[in-house]
Structure formats: C-alpha cells, structure tokens
Amino acid sequence: MAEAIEKAEQLRKDYQSVFNSESGKNVLEDLKKVCFYYDTTINEMPHIMAFNEGQRGVILHIQTKLKLTLEKIKELENDRGQI
C-alpha cells in the first residue's frame, strides 16, 4: 500500500509541475475552452454528447489531480485498497 501511495504522490507532483508552470497554465486554459469545461455538453445526438463528456472528463481528471493532497491520496488508498 505504501508503494501505491508513493506512486500516486509522485504523479500528483508531476501534474502540478506540468500544469502550474506558465506554459502549463496556458495549455490547461486552452484545453478547458475546447473540452467543454465552461460549456454544456448537451447535444441532441447522444453519441456526440457522450464524446463531449469524454473530453470534459479529461479536464476534470486533471483538475482533480492538481487539487489532491497527500491526505486525500491516503484516504482513497484506504477506502479502495488502490488509487
């Protein structure tokens, strides 16, 4: 379990290193604009809406990784047995 926590903590640091730089912030903002972070994904065609939600999910995943704390990582590890 400790190894999984260490890997998750390193991955969190990697996300922060990439996306907290000025270039990373610019890239993340661009991704937010094109991946429905600020807009609705609703579309009358279900397959298009599903695709749009998939794009949005990537941005939400990045945002989650950037906000994770070591305490939250440990909590998730304990709750699920994995991260």
C-alpha atoms as a PDB file:
ATOM      1  CA  MET A   1       0.000   0.000   0.000  1.00  0.00           C
ATOM      2  CA  ALA A   2       2.823   2.411   0.781  1.00  0.00           C
ATOM      3  CA  GLU A   3       4.222   1.938  -2.722  1.00  0.00           C
ATOM      4  CA  ALA A   4       0.867   2.859  -4.279  1.00  0.00           C
ATOM      5  CA  ILE A   5       0.697   5.975  -2.123  1.00  0.00           C
ATOM      6  CA  GLU A   6       4.222   6.965  -3.123  1.00  0.00           C
ATOM      7  CA  LYS A   7       3.399   6.485  -6.824  1.00  0.00           C
ATOM      8  CA  ALA A   8       0.190   8.493  -6.502  1.00  0.00           C
ATOM      9  CA  GLU A   9       2.002  11.284  -4.657  1.00  0.00           C
ATOM     10  CA  GLN A  10       4.705  11.418  -7.338  1.00  0.00           C
ATOM     11  CA  LEU A  11       2.068  11.524 -10.067  1.00  0.00           C
ATOM     12  CA  ARG A  12       0.322  14.394  -8.266  1.00  0.00           C
ATOM     13  CA  LYS A  13       3.628  16.259  -8.104  1.00  0.00           C
ATOM     14  CA  ASP A  14       4.173  15.599 -11.810  1.00  0.00           C
ATOM     15  CA  TYR A  15       0.757  17.034 -12.682  1.00  0.00           C
ATOM     16  CA  GLN A  16       1.480  20.085 -10.560  1.00  0.00           C
ATOM     17  CA  SER A  17       4.906  20.536 -12.105  1.00  0.00           C
ATOM     18  CA  VAL A  18       3.435  20.481 -15.598  1.00  0.00           C
ATOM     19  CA  PHE A  19       0.233  22.445 -15.100  1.00  0.00           C
ATOM     20  CA  ASN A  20       1.410  25.017 -12.544  1.00  0.00           C
ATOM     21  CA  SER A  21       4.074  26.386 -14.890  1.00  0.00           C
ATOM     22  CA  GLU A  22       3.083  29.376 -17.031  1.00  0.00           C
ATOM     23  CA  SER A  23       3.105  27.234 -20.160  1.00  0.00           C
ATOM     24  CA  GLY A  24       1.089  24.545 -18.418  1.00  0.00           C
ATOM     25  CA  LYS A  25      -1.485  27.069 -17.226  1.00  0.00           C
ATOM     26  CA  ASN A  26      -1.859  28.335 -20.790  1.00  0.00           C
ATOM     27  CA  VAL A  27      -2.264  24.811 -22.147  1.00  0.00           C
ATOM     28  CA  LEU A  28      -4.768  23.881 -19.438  1.00  0.00           C
ATOM     29  CA  GLU A  29      -6.821  27.010 -20.143  1.00  0.00           C
ATOM     30  CA  ASP A  30      -6.877  26.167 -23.846  1.00  0.00           C
ATOM     31  CA  LEU A  31      -7.939  22.596 -23.060  1.00  0.00           C
ATOM     32  CA  LYS A  32     -10.718  23.906 -20.831  1.00  0.00           C
ATOM     33  CA  LYS A  33     -12.026  26.020 -23.703  1.00  0.00           C
ATOM     34  CA  VAL A  34     -12.083  23.207 -26.258  1.00  0.00           C
ATOM     35  CA  CYS A  35     -13.094  20.368 -23.909  1.00  0.00           C
ATOM     36  CA  PHE A  36     -16.374  21.747 -22.555  1.00  0.00           C
ATOM     37  CA  TYR A  37     -15.142  22.838 -19.143  1.00  0.00           C
ATOM     38  CA  TYR A  38     -17.066  26.105 -19.439  1.00  0.00           C
ATOM     39  CA  ASP A  39     -19.840  24.950 -21.767  1.00  0.00           C
ATOM     40  CA  THR A  40     -22.608  22.401 -21.736  1.00  0.00           C
ATOM     41  CA  THR A  41     -22.023  19.057 -23.385  1.00  0.00           C
ATOM     42  CA  ILE A  42     -25.702  18.645 -24.195  1.00  0.00           C
ATOM     43  CA  ASN A  43     -26.369  17.706 -27.792  1.00  0.00           C
ATOM     44  CA  GLU A  44     -29.424  16.188 -29.443  1.00  0.00           C
ATOM     45  CA  MET A  45     -27.251  13.381 -30.792  1.00  0.00           C
ATOM     46  CA  PRO A  46     -26.358  11.042 -27.900  1.00  0.00           C
ATOM     47  CA  HIS A  47     -23.059   9.861 -29.385  1.00  0.00           C
ATOM     48  CA  ILE A  48     -21.848  13.455 -29.791  1.00  0.00           C
ATOM     49  CA  MET A  49     -22.876  14.289 -26.243  1.00  0.00           C
ATOM     50  CA  ALA A  50     -21.028  11.190 -24.980  1.00  0.00           C
ATOM     51  CA  PHE A  51     -17.915  12.232 -26.914  1.00  0.00           C
ATOM     52  CA  ASN A  52     -18.124  15.759 -25.495  1.00  0.00           C
ATOM     53  CA  GLU A  53     -18.490  14.384 -21.957  1.00  0.00           C
ATOM     54  CA  GLY A  54     -15.406  12.256 -22.539  1.00  0.00           C
ATOM     55  CA  GLN A  55     -13.412  15.349 -23.436  1.00  0.00           C
ATOM     56  CA  ARG A  56     -14.754  17.156 -20.396  1.00  0.00           C
ATOM     57  CA  GLY A  57     -13.850  14.186 -18.207  1.00  0.00           C
ATOM     58  CA  VAL A  58     -10.170  14.591 -19.094  1.00  0.00           C
ATOM     59  CA  ILE A  59     -10.166  18.191 -17.854  1.00  0.00           C
ATOM     60  CA  LEU A  60     -11.963  17.195 -14.662  1.00  0.00           C
ATOM     61  CA  HIS A  61      -9.375  14.467 -14.114  1.00  0.00           C
ATOM     62  CA  ILE A  62      -6.519  16.960 -14.478  1.00  0.00           C
ATOM     63  CA  GLN A  63      -8.248  19.390 -12.105  1.00  0.00           C
ATOM     64  CA  THR A  64      -8.694  16.596  -9.559  1.00  0.00           C
ATOM     65  CA  LYS A  65      -5.025  15.585  -9.767  1.00  0.00           C
ATOM     66  CA  LEU A  66      -3.957  19.192  -9.248  1.00  0.00           C
ATOM     67  CA  LYS A  67      -6.096  19.527  -6.121  1.00  0.00           C
ATOM     68  CA  LEU A  68      -5.244  16.192  -4.480  1.00  0.00           C
ATOM     69  CA  THR A  69      -3.467  16.314  -1.158  1.00  0.00           C
ATOM     70  CA  LEU A  70      -1.342  13.589   0.346  1.00  0.00           C
ATOM     71  CA  GLU A  71      -4.035  13.097   2.998  1.00  0.00           C
ATOM     72  CA  LYS A  72      -6.696  12.577   0.309  1.00  0.00           C
ATOM     73  CA  ILE A  73      -4.450  10.123  -1.537  1.00  0.00           C
ATOM     74  CA  LYS A  74      -4.029   8.094   1.659  1.00  0.00           C
ATOM     75  CA  GLU A  75      -7.778   8.230   2.290  1.00  0.00           C
ATOM     76  CA  LEU A  76      -8.522   6.940  -1.210  1.00  0.00           C
ATOM     77  CA  GLU A  77      -5.944   4.191  -0.788  1.00  0.00           C
ATOM     78  CA  ASN A  78      -7.506   3.096   2.489  1.00  0.00           C
ATOM     79  CA  ASP A  79     -11.063   3.245   1.138  1.00  0.00           C
ATOM     80  CA  ARG A  80     -10.431   1.378  -2.089  1.00  0.00           C
ATOM     81  CA  GLY A  81      -7.292  -0.571  -1.479  1.00  0.00           C
ATOM     82  CA  GLN A  82      -5.912   1.156  -4.552  1.00  0.00           C
ATOM     83  CA  ILE A  83      -5.843   4.530  -6.246  1.00  0.00           C
END
